[in-house]
Amino acid sequence: MPKIDESKTPIVGQSVEPVAERKTFTKWEAFEDASLVPVRLTCQSYQPVHQMDSSCHTNVVIGVDSLRRHLSEEHGATGGFEIHLRQREGAKTSFWKDVQSEGLELGDFRCDVCDEVLPLSARRILPHLRPHSGKQRAARQGGKFLMTFRSASQAADEGSWEGEEI
């Protein structure tokens, strides 16, 4: 019979800490679990998600305020971005928590080197930080990914992500 840790079992009448309610279905914690830090964020439309290139190709300051402002502008409304990620043990960034608290969803996440659509888990993302081949024959440096951000209201309107985690 397994032992029960009674210190974690609430007593009748004892207040229980409320669990923080999630604002998004996207598992942004995967980036924190992998100790990934964004080092560069560029407005970039890409195939097959975006049919035409309406992006401005500017580097966006890494922060949720500048990301939200860029998404609200006409040229950034497609939500396509190229993001360079680096693994930095011990380095903390609030970017992923800020994106989640802002209510942004991830519509598409793929490796730019091999064009593989990646599920959000540290185990699947980390190998793509190393050099590997894919779209071209030669191995290219990893760590460059393509993301499409959507606001929670856009995702609900499209109905494609409602109720499912990415």
C-alpha atoms as a PDB file:
ATOM      1  CA  MET A   1       0.000   0.000   0.000  1.00  0.00           C
ATOM      2  CA  PRO A   2       1.505   3.370  -1.011  1.00  0.00           C
ATOM      3  CA  LYS A   3       2.147   5.950   1.689  1.00  0.00           C
ATOM      4  CA  ILE A   4       0.129   9.146   1.550  1.00  0.00           C
ATOM      5  CA  ASP A   5       1.842  12.429   2.257  1.00  0.00           C
ATOM      6  CA  GLU A   6      -0.563  13.873   4.807  1.00  0.00           C
ATOM      7  CA  SER A   7       1.079  17.307   4.720  1.00  0.00           C
ATOM      8  CA  LYS A   8      -0.402  17.837   1.240  1.00  0.00           C
ATOM      9  CA  THR A   9      -3.847  16.541   2.142  1.00  0.00           C
ATOM     10  CA  PRO A  10      -6.197  19.390   3.087  1.00  0.00           C
ATOM     11  CA  ILE A  11      -8.050  19.139   6.380  1.00  0.00           C
ATOM     12  CA  VAL A  12     -11.765  19.875   6.430  1.00  0.00           C
ATOM     13  CA  GLY A  13     -12.230  23.599   6.963  1.00  0.00           C
ATOM     14  CA  GLN A  14      -8.666  24.400   5.882  1.00  0.00           C
ATOM     15  CA  SER A  15      -8.350  26.791   2.959  1.00  0.00           C
ATOM     16  CA  VAL A  16      -6.951  25.322  -0.236  1.00  0.00           C
ATOM     17  CA  GLU A  17      -4.746  27.405  -2.532  1.00  0.00           C
ATOM     18  CA  PRO A  18      -6.627  28.139  -5.751  1.00  0.00           C
ATOM     19  CA  VAL A  19      -5.075  26.810  -8.922  1.00  0.00           C
ATOM     20  CA  ALA A  20      -4.189  29.598 -11.324  1.00  0.00           C
ATOM     21  CA  GLU A  21      -6.593  29.502 -14.237  1.00  0.00           C
ATOM     22  CA  ARG A  22      -4.990  29.341 -17.648  1.00  0.00           C
ATOM     23  CA  LYS A  23      -5.808  31.977 -20.224  1.00  0.00           C
ATOM     24  CA  THR A  24      -4.540  29.925 -23.165  1.00  0.00           C
ATOM     25  CA  PHE A  25      -4.585  26.377 -24.466  1.00  0.00           C
ATOM     26  CA  THR A  26      -0.969  26.617 -25.678  1.00  0.00           C
ATOM     27  CA  LYS A  27       1.552  24.937 -23.368  1.00  0.00           C
ATOM     28  CA  TRP A  28       3.995  27.846 -23.039  1.00  0.00           C
ATOM     29  CA  GLU A  29       5.649  26.016 -20.102  1.00  0.00           C
ATOM     30  CA  ALA A  30       7.469  23.773 -22.596  1.00  0.00           C
ATOM     31  CA  PHE A  31       9.795  26.652 -23.454  1.00  0.00           C
ATOM     32  CA  GLU A  32      10.500  27.287 -19.761  1.00  0.00           C
ATOM     33  CA  ASP A  33      11.078  23.571 -19.120  1.00  0.00           C
ATOM     34  CA  ALA A  34      13.677  23.536 -21.913  1.00  0.00           C
ATOM     35  CA  SER A  35      15.337  26.738 -20.553  1.00  0.00           C
ATOM     36  CA  LEU A  36      14.806  28.444 -23.908  1.00  0.00           C
ATOM     37  CA  VAL A  37      15.358  32.174 -24.167  1.00  0.00           C
ATOM     38  CA  PRO A  38      14.316  34.198 -27.224  1.00  0.00           C
ATOM     39  CA  VAL A  39      17.272  36.147 -28.630  1.00  0.00           C
ATOM     40  CA  ARG A  40      15.763  37.516 -31.831  1.00  0.00           C
ATOM     41  CA  LEU A  41      12.207  38.024 -33.063  1.00  0.00           C
ATOM     42  CA  THR A  42      11.520  39.064 -36.664  1.00  0.00           C
ATOM     43  CA  CYS A  43       8.227  39.744 -38.419  1.00  0.00           C
ATOM     44  CA  GLN A  44       8.190  37.051 -41.112  1.00  0.00           C
ATOM     45  CA  SER A  45       5.403  35.422 -43.100  1.00  0.00           C
ATOM     46  CA  TYR A  46       6.137  31.875 -44.265  1.00  0.00           C
ATOM     47  CA  GLN A  47       4.683  29.097 -46.400  1.00  0.00           C
ATOM     48  CA  PRO A  48       2.437  27.053 -46.093  1.00  0.00           C
ATOM     49  CA  VAL A  49       0.740  29.004 -43.300  1.00  0.00           C
ATOM     50  CA  HIS A  50       0.768  32.409 -45.001  1.00  0.00           C
ATOM     51  CA  GLN A  51      -0.096  32.465 -48.678  1.00  0.00           C
ATOM     52  CA  MET A  52       1.488  35.847 -49.379  1.00  0.00           C
ATOM     53  CA  ASP A  53       4.322  37.730 -47.778  1.00  0.00           C
ATOM     54  CA  SER A  54       2.761  40.733 -46.074  1.00  0.00           C
ATOM     55  CA  SER A  55       5.356  40.889 -43.309  1.00  0.00           C
ATOM     56  CA  CYS A  56       7.649  43.864 -42.802  1.00  0.00           C
ATOM     57  CA  HIS A  57      10.782  41.811 -41.930  1.00  0.00           C
ATOM     58  CA  THR A  58      11.665  44.084 -39.017  1.00  0.00           C
ATOM     59  CA  ASN A  59      13.269  42.912 -35.802  1.00  0.00           C
ATOM     60  CA  VAL A  60      10.807  43.288 -32.956  1.00  0.00           C
ATOM     61  CA  VAL A  61      11.964  44.106 -29.439  1.00  0.00           C
ATOM     62  CA  ILE A  62      11.533  40.940 -27.391  1.00  0.00           C
ATOM     63  CA  GLY A  63       8.659  41.709 -25.091  1.00  0.00           C
ATOM     64  CA  VAL A  64       4.960  41.107 -24.986  1.00  0.00           C
ATOM     65  CA  ASP A  65       4.101  44.809 -25.360  1.00  0.00           C
ATOM     66  CA  SER A  66       6.018  45.196 -28.602  1.00  0.00           C
ATOM     67  CA  LEU A  67       4.702  41.835 -29.841  1.00  0.00           C
ATOM     68  CA  ARG A  68       1.087  42.831 -29.139  1.00  0.00           C
ATOM     69  CA  ARG A  69       1.610  46.240 -30.782  1.00  0.00           C
ATOM     70  CA  HIS A  70       3.139  44.601 -33.846  1.00  0.00           C
ATOM     71  CA  LEU A  71       0.279  42.093 -34.119  1.00  0.00           C
ATOM     72  CA  SER A  72      -2.262  44.912 -34.068  1.00  0.00           C
ATOM     73  CA  GLU A  73      -0.640  46.701 -37.007  1.00  0.00           C
ATOM     74  CA  GLU A  74      -1.873  45.849 -40.482  1.00  0.00           C
ATOM     75  CA  HIS A  75       1.350  44.281 -41.773  1.00  0.00           C
ATOM     76  CA  GLY A  76       1.886  42.160 -38.670  1.00  0.00           C
ATOM     77  CA  ALA A  77      -1.685  40.950 -38.426  1.00  0.00           C
ATOM     78  CA  THR A  78      -0.781  37.602 -40.010  1.00  0.00           C
ATOM     79  CA  GLY A  79       1.054  36.742 -36.795  1.00  0.00           C
ATOM     80  CA  GLY A  80       4.041  35.137 -38.537  1.00  0.00           C
ATOM     81  CA  PHE A  81       7.397  35.520 -36.812  1.00  0.00           C
ATOM     82  CA  GLU A  82      10.857  34.052 -37.083  1.00  0.00           C
ATOM     83  CA  ILE A  83      12.280  33.471 -33.612  1.00  0.00           C
ATOM     84  CA  HIS A  84      15.801  32.505 -32.642  1.00  0.00           C
ATOM     85  CA  LEU A  85      15.942  30.502 -29.416  1.00  0.00           C
ATOM     86  CA  ARG A  86      18.957  29.622 -27.299  1.00  0.00           C
ATOM     87  CA  GLN A  87      19.164  27.299 -24.343  1.00  0.00           C
ATOM     88  CA  ARG A  88      20.517  29.171 -21.351  1.00  0.00           C
ATOM     89  CA  GLU A  89      20.616  27.187 -18.122  1.00  0.00           C
ATOM     90  CA  GLY A  90      19.841  29.408 -15.162  1.00  0.00           C
ATOM     91  CA  ALA A  91      18.785  32.345 -17.330  1.00  0.00           C
ATOM     92  CA  LYS A  92      15.235  33.331 -16.534  1.00  0.00           C
ATOM     93  CA  THR A  93      12.956  35.171 -18.892  1.00  0.00           C
ATOM     94  CA  SER A  94       9.443  36.350 -18.226  1.00  0.00           C
ATOM     95  CA  PHE A  95       8.604  36.361 -21.944  1.00  0.00           C
ATOM     96  CA  TRP A  96       6.752  33.011 -21.968  1.00  0.00           C
ATOM     97  CA  LYS A  97       4.670  33.834 -18.874  1.00  0.00           C
ATOM     98  CA  ASP A  98       3.900  37.284 -20.259  1.00  0.00           C
ATOM     99  CA  VAL A  99       2.742  35.788 -23.568  1.00  0.00           C
ATOM    100  CA  GLN A 100       0.476  33.388 -21.695  1.00  0.00           C
ATOM    101  CA  SER A 101      -0.941  36.107 -19.425  1.00  0.00           C
ATOM    102  CA  GLU A 102      -1.546  38.287 -22.505  1.00  0.00           C
ATOM    103  CA  GLY A 103      -3.747  35.486 -23.902  1.00  0.00           C
ATOM    104  CA  LEU A 104      -1.759  34.763 -27.056  1.00  0.00           C
ATOM    105  CA  GLU A 105      -2.096  31.353 -28.677  1.00  0.00           C
ATOM    106  CA  LEU A 106       0.414  29.582 -30.868  1.00  0.00           C
ATOM    107  CA  GLY A 107      -1.144  28.722 -34.214  1.00  0.00           C
ATOM    108  CA  ASP A 108       1.883  27.098 -35.790  1.00  0.00           C
ATOM    109  CA  PHE A 109       5.368  26.195 -34.552  1.00  0.00           C
ATOM    110  CA  ARG A 110       7.966  24.697 -36.880  1.00  0.00           C
ATOM    111  CA  CYS A 111      11.722  24.374 -37.313  1.00  0.00           C
ATOM    112  CA  ASP A 112      12.983  26.641 -40.099  1.00  0.00           C
ATOM    113  CA  VAL A 113      15.852  24.269 -40.948  1.00  0.00           C
ATOM    114  CA  CYS A 114      13.856  21.085 -41.602  1.00  0.00           C
ATOM    115  CA  ASP A 115      10.306  22.541 -41.774  1.00  0.00           C
ATOM    116  CA  GLU A 116       9.025  19.990 -39.231  1.00  0.00           C
ATOM    117  CA  VAL A 117       5.931  21.037 -37.299  1.00  0.00           C
ATOM    118  CA  LEU A 118       6.858  20.571 -33.649  1.00  0.00           C
ATOM    119  CA  PRO A 119       4.627  19.735 -30.696  1.00  0.00           C
ATOM    120  CA  LEU A 120       5.313  21.825 -27.628  1.00  0.00           C
ATOM    121  CA  SER A 121       7.522  19.607 -25.515  1.00  0.00           C
ATOM    122  CA  ALA A 122      11.099  20.226 -24.429  1.00  0.00           C
ATOM    123  CA  ARG A 123      12.081  16.773 -25.635  1.00  0.00           C
ATOM    124  CA  ARG A 124      10.955  17.502 -29.217  1.00  0.00           C
ATOM    125  CA  ILE A 125      12.258  21.094 -29.408  1.00  0.00           C
ATOM    126  CA  LEU A 126      15.799  20.670 -28.040  1.00  0.00           C
ATOM    127  CA  PRO A 127      17.202  18.494 -30.891  1.00  0.00           C
ATOM    128  CA  HIS A 128      16.332  21.279 -33.324  1.00  0.00           C
ATOM    129  CA  LEU A 129      18.775  23.617 -31.578  1.00  0.00           C
ATOM    130  CA  ARG A 130      21.695  21.605 -32.982  1.00  0.00           C
ATOM    131  CA  PRO A 131      22.863  21.720 -36.610  1.00  0.00           C
ATOM    132  CA  HIS A 132      20.826  19.389 -38.837  1.00  0.00           C
ATOM    133  CA  SER A 133      19.721  19.047 -42.444  1.00  0.00           C
ATOM    134  CA  GLY A 134      16.266  19.340 -43.817  1.00  0.00           C
ATOM    135  CA  LYS A 135      14.965  21.547 -46.618  1.00  0.00           C
ATOM    136  CA  GLN A 136      18.476  21.806 -48.066  1.00  0.00           C
ATOM    137  CA  ARG A 137      21.005  19.011 -48.278  1.00  0.00           C
ATOM    138  CA  ALA A 138      23.660  20.725 -46.150  1.00  0.00           C
ATOM    139  CA  ALA A 139      23.336  20.857 -42.386  1.00  0.00           C
ATOM    140  CA  ARG A 140      22.416  24.293 -41.098  1.00  0.00           C
ATOM    141  CA  GLN A 141      22.665  25.769 -37.639  1.00  0.00           C
ATOM    142  CA  GLY A 142      19.543  25.055 -35.600  1.00  0.00           C
ATOM    143  CA  GLY A 143      17.711  27.272 -33.151  1.00  0.00           C
ATOM    144  CA  LYS A 144      15.711  29.173 -35.768  1.00  0.00           C
ATOM    145  CA  PHE A 145      11.972  28.574 -35.605  1.00  0.00           C
ATOM    146  CA  LEU A 146       8.837  29.919 -37.266  1.00  0.00           C
ATOM    147  CA  MET A 147       5.808  30.803 -35.126  1.00  0.00           C
ATOM    148  CA  THR A 148       2.356  32.141 -35.808  1.00  0.00           C
ATOM    149  CA  PHE A 149       0.805  33.987 -32.891  1.00  0.00           C
ATOM    150  CA  ARG A 150      -2.938  34.486 -32.564  1.00  0.00           C
ATOM    151  CA  SER A 151      -4.923  36.241 -29.875  1.00  0.00           C
ATOM    152  CA  ALA A 152      -7.292  34.024 -27.914  1.00  0.00           C
ATOM    153  CA  SER A 153     -10.272  35.798 -29.536  1.00  0.00           C
ATOM    154  CA  GLN A 154      -8.899  35.096 -33.044  1.00  0.00           C
ATOM    155  CA  ALA A 155      -8.384  31.441 -32.165  1.00  0.00           C
ATOM    156  CA  ALA A 156     -11.920  31.145 -30.820  1.00  0.00           C
ATOM    157  CA  ASP A 157     -13.346  32.860 -33.913  1.00  0.00           C
ATOM    158  CA  GLU A 158     -11.549  30.446 -36.213  1.00  0.00           C
ATOM    159  CA  GLY A 159     -12.609  27.546 -34.013  1.00  0.00           C
ATOM    160  CA  SER A 160      -9.516  25.511 -34.816  1.00  0.00           C
ATOM    161  CA  TRP A 161      -7.935  25.583 -31.362  1.00  0.00           C
ATOM    162  CA  GLU A 162     -10.948  25.761 -29.122  1.00  0.00           C
ATOM    163  CA  GLY A 163     -10.606  23.127 -26.440  1.00  0.00           C
ATOM    164  CA  GLU A 164      -7.435  21.499 -27.694  1.00  0.00           C
ATOM    165  CA  GLU A 165      -3.904  22.042 -26.430  1.00  0.00           C
ATOM    166  CA  ILE A 166      -1.055  22.586 -28.846  1.00  0.00           C
END
